[in-house]
Amino acid sequence: MKKEVRFALLYGAIFAATGVVLGALGAHALREVLTPRQLESFNTGVDYQVYHALGLLLMGLLMQTTELALRWVVRLQLIGILLFSGSIYLLSTGPYFSSFSWKWLGPITPIGGLLLIASWALLMVKIIPASKRSS
C-alpha cells in the first residue's frame, strides 16, 4: 500500500473513531455541563469531523484504485478538520476546563471551513482532467 493511501486511511479511521467518542461525550457527559448553544456548536464540530473522516477514507480508496494524485486534498482535509472542529471543541468546552480565554480561536473556525471547501474543490479539479482522459 502506498504511503499516501495509508496516511489517508489511517487519519480517516482516527478521526472517525474520535468523532464517535466525542459524539458520545457530547451526548452524555457534556449535556449536563454545556449550554444548549455550546452543545449544538460542539455537535457541529463532531458532525463535520465525521463527515470529513469519511472523506479521508474516500480519498485513500480513490488513490488506491485510480491514478489520481490526491496528496493535497488529503492534507487540506486533515488541516481543515483540525482547525474547524478543533477550534469549535475548544470554543465550546474551553471555559469549563480552564480559565484561559479561547475566544481568539473564533476566526480559526472559518479558516478550517475554507480549507475543507478547498479540499473538495481541489478533488473536483483533479477528477475533471482524469474523466476527460478516460472518455
C-alpha atoms as a PDB file:
ATOM      1  CA  MET A   1       0.000   0.000   0.000  1.00  0.00           C
ATOM      2  CA  LYS A   2       1.340   3.422  -0.973  1.00  0.00           C
ATOM      3  CA  LYS A   3       2.361   5.792   1.811  1.00  0.00           C
ATOM      4  CA  GLU A   4      -0.240   8.419   0.767  1.00  0.00           C
ATOM      5  CA  VAL A   5      -3.009   5.811   0.768  1.00  0.00           C
ATOM      6  CA  ARG A   6      -2.029   4.508   4.199  1.00  0.00           C
ATOM      7  CA  PHE A   7      -1.846   8.099   5.537  1.00  0.00           C
ATOM      8  CA  ALA A   8      -5.354   8.988   4.300  1.00  0.00           C
ATOM      9  CA  LEU A   9      -6.881   5.741   5.533  1.00  0.00           C
ATOM     10  CA  LEU A  10      -5.149   5.925   8.920  1.00  0.00           C
ATOM     11  CA  TYR A  11      -6.206   9.509   9.628  1.00  0.00           C
ATOM     12  CA  GLY A  12      -9.690   8.846   8.278  1.00  0.00           C
ATOM     13  CA  ALA A  13     -10.019   5.987  10.754  1.00  0.00           C
ATOM     14  CA  ILE A  14      -8.547   8.057  13.611  1.00  0.00           C
ATOM     15  CA  PHE A  15     -10.923  10.965  13.006  1.00  0.00           C
ATOM     16  CA  ALA A  16     -13.908   8.614  12.595  1.00  0.00           C
ATOM     17  CA  ALA A  17     -13.130   6.837  15.878  1.00  0.00           C
ATOM     18  CA  THR A  18     -12.514  10.045  17.826  1.00  0.00           C
ATOM     19  CA  GLY A  19     -15.661  11.523  16.263  1.00  0.00           C
ATOM     20  CA  VAL A  20     -17.698   8.691  17.740  1.00  0.00           C
ATOM     21  CA  VAL A  21     -16.015   9.147  21.132  1.00  0.00           C
ATOM     22  CA  LEU A  22     -16.575  12.912  21.092  1.00  0.00           C
ATOM     23  CA  GLY A  23     -20.169  12.428  19.940  1.00  0.00           C
ATOM     24  CA  ALA A  24     -20.806  10.129  22.889  1.00  0.00           C
ATOM     25  CA  LEU A  25     -19.098  12.608  25.214  1.00  0.00           C
ATOM     26  CA  GLY A  26     -21.368  15.371  23.941  1.00  0.00           C
ATOM     27  CA  ALA A  27     -24.489  13.216  24.180  1.00  0.00           C
ATOM     28  CA  HIS A  28     -23.810  12.097  27.738  1.00  0.00           C
ATOM     29  CA  ALA A  29     -21.197  13.914  29.839  1.00  0.00           C
ATOM     30  CA  LEU A  30     -21.310  17.370  28.280  1.00  0.00           C
ATOM     31  CA  ARG A  31     -25.107  17.560  28.050  1.00  0.00           C
ATOM     32  CA  GLU A  32     -25.223  18.431  31.764  1.00  0.00           C
ATOM     33  CA  VAL A  33     -22.328  20.906  31.592  1.00  0.00           C
ATOM     34  CA  LEU A  34     -22.690  22.937  28.381  1.00  0.00           C
ATOM     35  CA  THR A  35     -25.442  25.345  27.457  1.00  0.00           C
ATOM     36  CA  PRO A  36     -27.717  24.181  24.607  1.00  0.00           C
ATOM     37  CA  ARG A  37     -25.940  26.601  22.229  1.00  0.00           C
ATOM     38  CA  GLN A  38     -22.486  25.339  23.237  1.00  0.00           C
ATOM     39  CA  LEU A  39     -23.628  21.738  22.890  1.00  0.00           C
ATOM     40  CA  GLU A  40     -25.030  22.491  19.433  1.00  0.00           C
ATOM     41  CA  SER A  41     -21.671  24.000  18.426  1.00  0.00           C
ATOM     42  CA  PHE A  42     -19.805  21.022  19.865  1.00  0.00           C
ATOM     43  CA  ASN A  43     -22.047  18.634  17.914  1.00  0.00           C
ATOM     44  CA  THR A  44     -21.442  20.626  14.720  1.00  0.00           C
ATOM     45  CA  GLY A  45     -17.717  20.040  15.235  1.00  0.00           C
ATOM     46  CA  VAL A  46     -18.362  16.317  15.690  1.00  0.00           C
ATOM     47  CA  ASP A  47     -20.570  16.141  12.582  1.00  0.00           C
ATOM     48  CA  TYR A  48     -18.018  17.829  10.355  1.00  0.00           C
ATOM     49  CA  GLN A  49     -15.191  15.757  11.807  1.00  0.00           C
ATOM     50  CA  VAL A  50     -17.014  12.522  10.981  1.00  0.00           C
ATOM     51  CA  TYR A  51     -18.088  13.714   7.501  1.00  0.00           C
ATOM     52  CA  HIS A  52     -14.514  14.576   6.628  1.00  0.00           C
ATOM     53  CA  ALA A  53     -13.141  11.423   8.247  1.00  0.00           C
ATOM     54  CA  LEU A  54     -15.279   9.601   5.691  1.00  0.00           C
ATOM     55  CA  GLY A  55     -13.853  11.965   3.080  1.00  0.00           C
ATOM     56  CA  LEU A  56     -10.317  10.972   4.054  1.00  0.00           C
ATOM     57  CA  LEU A  57     -11.267   7.303   3.775  1.00  0.00           C
ATOM     58  CA  LEU A  58     -12.730   8.034   0.340  1.00  0.00           C
ATOM     59  CA  MET A  59      -9.518   9.788  -0.712  1.00  0.00           C
ATOM     60  CA  GLY A  60      -7.483   6.778   0.402  1.00  0.00           C
ATOM     61  CA  LEU A  61      -9.667   4.447  -1.629  1.00  0.00           C
ATOM     62  CA  LEU A  62      -9.547   6.731  -4.663  1.00  0.00           C
ATOM     63  CA  MET A  63      -5.747   6.930  -4.513  1.00  0.00           C
ATOM     64  CA  GLN A  64      -5.560   3.156  -4.249  1.00  0.00           C
ATOM     65  CA  THR A  65      -7.861   2.464  -7.203  1.00  0.00           C
ATOM     66  CA  THR A  66      -7.026   5.345  -9.570  1.00  0.00           C
ATOM     67  CA  GLU A  67      -4.042   7.318 -10.754  1.00  0.00           C
ATOM     68  CA  LEU A  68      -5.311  10.488  -9.074  1.00  0.00           C
ATOM     69  CA  ALA A  69      -2.684  12.349  -7.031  1.00  0.00           C
ATOM     70  CA  LEU A  70      -4.699  13.469  -4.021  1.00  0.00           C
ATOM     71  CA  ARG A  71      -1.958  14.255  -1.502  1.00  0.00           C
ATOM     72  CA  TRP A  72      -3.017  17.914  -1.215  1.00  0.00           C
ATOM     73  CA  VAL A  73      -6.704  17.032  -0.997  1.00  0.00           C
ATOM     74  CA  VAL A  74      -5.888  14.829   1.995  1.00  0.00           C
ATOM     75  CA  ARG A  75      -3.664  17.485   3.582  1.00  0.00           C
ATOM     76  CA  LEU A  76      -6.312  20.182   3.207  1.00  0.00           C
ATOM     77  CA  GLN A  77      -8.956  17.919   4.759  1.00  0.00           C
ATOM     78  CA  LEU A  78      -6.690  16.954   7.639  1.00  0.00           C
ATOM     79  CA  ILE A  79      -5.760  20.548   8.472  1.00  0.00           C
ATOM     80  CA  GLY A  80      -9.345  21.693   7.885  1.00  0.00           C
ATOM     81  CA  ILE A  81     -10.688  19.128  10.369  1.00  0.00           C
ATOM     82  CA  LEU A  82      -8.152  20.171  12.989  1.00  0.00           C
ATOM     83  CA  LEU A  83      -8.842  23.887  12.578  1.00  0.00           C
ATOM     84  CA  PHE A  84     -12.617  23.727  12.087  1.00  0.00           C
ATOM     85  CA  SER A  85     -13.662  21.020  14.524  1.00  0.00           C
ATOM     86  CA  GLY A  86     -10.756  21.552  16.924  1.00  0.00           C
ATOM     87  CA  SER A  87     -11.489  25.257  17.330  1.00  0.00           C
ATOM     88  CA  ILE A  88     -15.192  24.539  17.865  1.00  0.00           C
ATOM     89  CA  TYR A  89     -14.363  21.973  20.557  1.00  0.00           C
ATOM     90  CA  LEU A  90     -12.127  24.428  22.384  1.00  0.00           C
ATOM     91  CA  LEU A  91     -14.528  27.358  21.994  1.00  0.00           C
ATOM     92  CA  SER A  92     -17.489  25.391  23.333  1.00  0.00           C
ATOM     93  CA  THR A  93     -15.782  23.456  26.140  1.00  0.00           C
ATOM     94  CA  GLY A  94     -12.698  25.530  26.958  1.00  0.00           C
ATOM     95  CA  PRO A  95     -14.335  27.724  29.604  1.00  0.00           C
ATOM     96  CA  TYR A  96     -15.237  24.619  31.607  1.00  0.00           C
ATOM     97  CA  PHE A  97     -11.749  23.137  31.608  1.00  0.00           C
ATOM     98  CA  SER A  98      -9.549  26.191  32.089  1.00  0.00           C
ATOM     99  CA  SER A  99      -9.722  29.872  32.935  1.00  0.00           C
ATOM    100  CA  PHE A 100      -7.829  30.624  29.709  1.00  0.00           C
ATOM    101  CA  SER A 101      -9.874  32.532  27.115  1.00  0.00           C
ATOM    102  CA  TRP A 102     -10.291  30.613  23.860  1.00  0.00           C
ATOM    103  CA  LYS A 103     -12.185  33.411  22.088  1.00  0.00           C
ATOM    104  CA  TRP A 104      -9.166  34.158  19.910  1.00  0.00           C
ATOM    105  CA  LEU A 105      -9.935  30.865  18.135  1.00  0.00           C
ATOM    106  CA  GLY A 106     -13.152  32.320  16.680  1.00  0.00           C
ATOM    107  CA  PRO A 107     -11.514  33.384  13.380  1.00  0.00           C
ATOM    108  CA  ILE A 108      -9.775  29.991  13.081  1.00  0.00           C
ATOM    109  CA  THR A 109     -13.064  28.111  12.585  1.00  0.00           C
ATOM    110  CA  PRO A 110     -13.923  29.683   9.201  1.00  0.00           C
ATOM    111  CA  ILE A 111     -10.336  29.203   8.018  1.00  0.00           C
ATOM    112  CA  GLY A 112     -10.738  25.490   8.735  1.00  0.00           C
ATOM    113  CA  GLY A 113     -14.057  25.530   6.886  1.00  0.00           C
ATOM    114  CA  LEU A 114     -12.442  27.206   3.880  1.00  0.00           C
ATOM    115  CA  LEU A 115      -9.738  24.530   3.837  1.00  0.00           C
ATOM    116  CA  LEU A 116     -12.414  21.817   3.864  1.00  0.00           C
ATOM    117  CA  ILE A 117     -14.201  23.507   0.961  1.00  0.00           C
ATOM    118  CA  ALA A 118     -10.877  23.905  -0.859  1.00  0.00           C
ATOM    119  CA  SER A 119     -10.162  20.192  -0.435  1.00  0.00           C
ATOM    120  CA  TRP A 120     -13.415  19.245  -2.170  1.00  0.00           C
ATOM    121  CA  ALA A 121     -12.852  21.866  -4.891  1.00  0.00           C
ATOM    122  CA  LEU A 122      -9.347  20.503  -5.483  1.00  0.00           C
ATOM    123  CA  LEU A 123     -10.784  16.999  -5.763  1.00  0.00           C
ATOM    124  CA  MET A 124     -13.140  18.280  -8.477  1.00  0.00           C
ATOM    125  CA  VAL A 125     -10.201  19.885 -10.290  1.00  0.00           C
ATOM    126  CA  LYS A 126      -8.303  16.577 -10.125  1.00  0.00           C
ATOM    127  CA  ILE A 127     -11.256  14.496 -11.316  1.00  0.00           C
ATOM    128  CA  ILE A 128     -12.218  16.587 -14.368  1.00  0.00           C
ATOM    129  CA  PRO A 129      -8.997  16.014 -16.389  1.00  0.00           C
ATOM    130  CA  ALA A 130      -8.941  12.354 -15.341  1.00  0.00           C
ATOM    131  CA  SER A 131     -12.500  11.865 -16.590  1.00  0.00           C
ATOM    132  CA  LYS A 132     -11.631  13.500 -19.939  1.00  0.00           C
ATOM    133  CA  ARG A 133      -8.680  11.097 -20.372  1.00  0.00           C
ATOM    134  CA  SER A 134     -10.848   8.043 -19.770  1.00  0.00           C
ATOM    135  CA  SER A 135     -13.556   9.106 -22.259  1.00  0.00           C
END
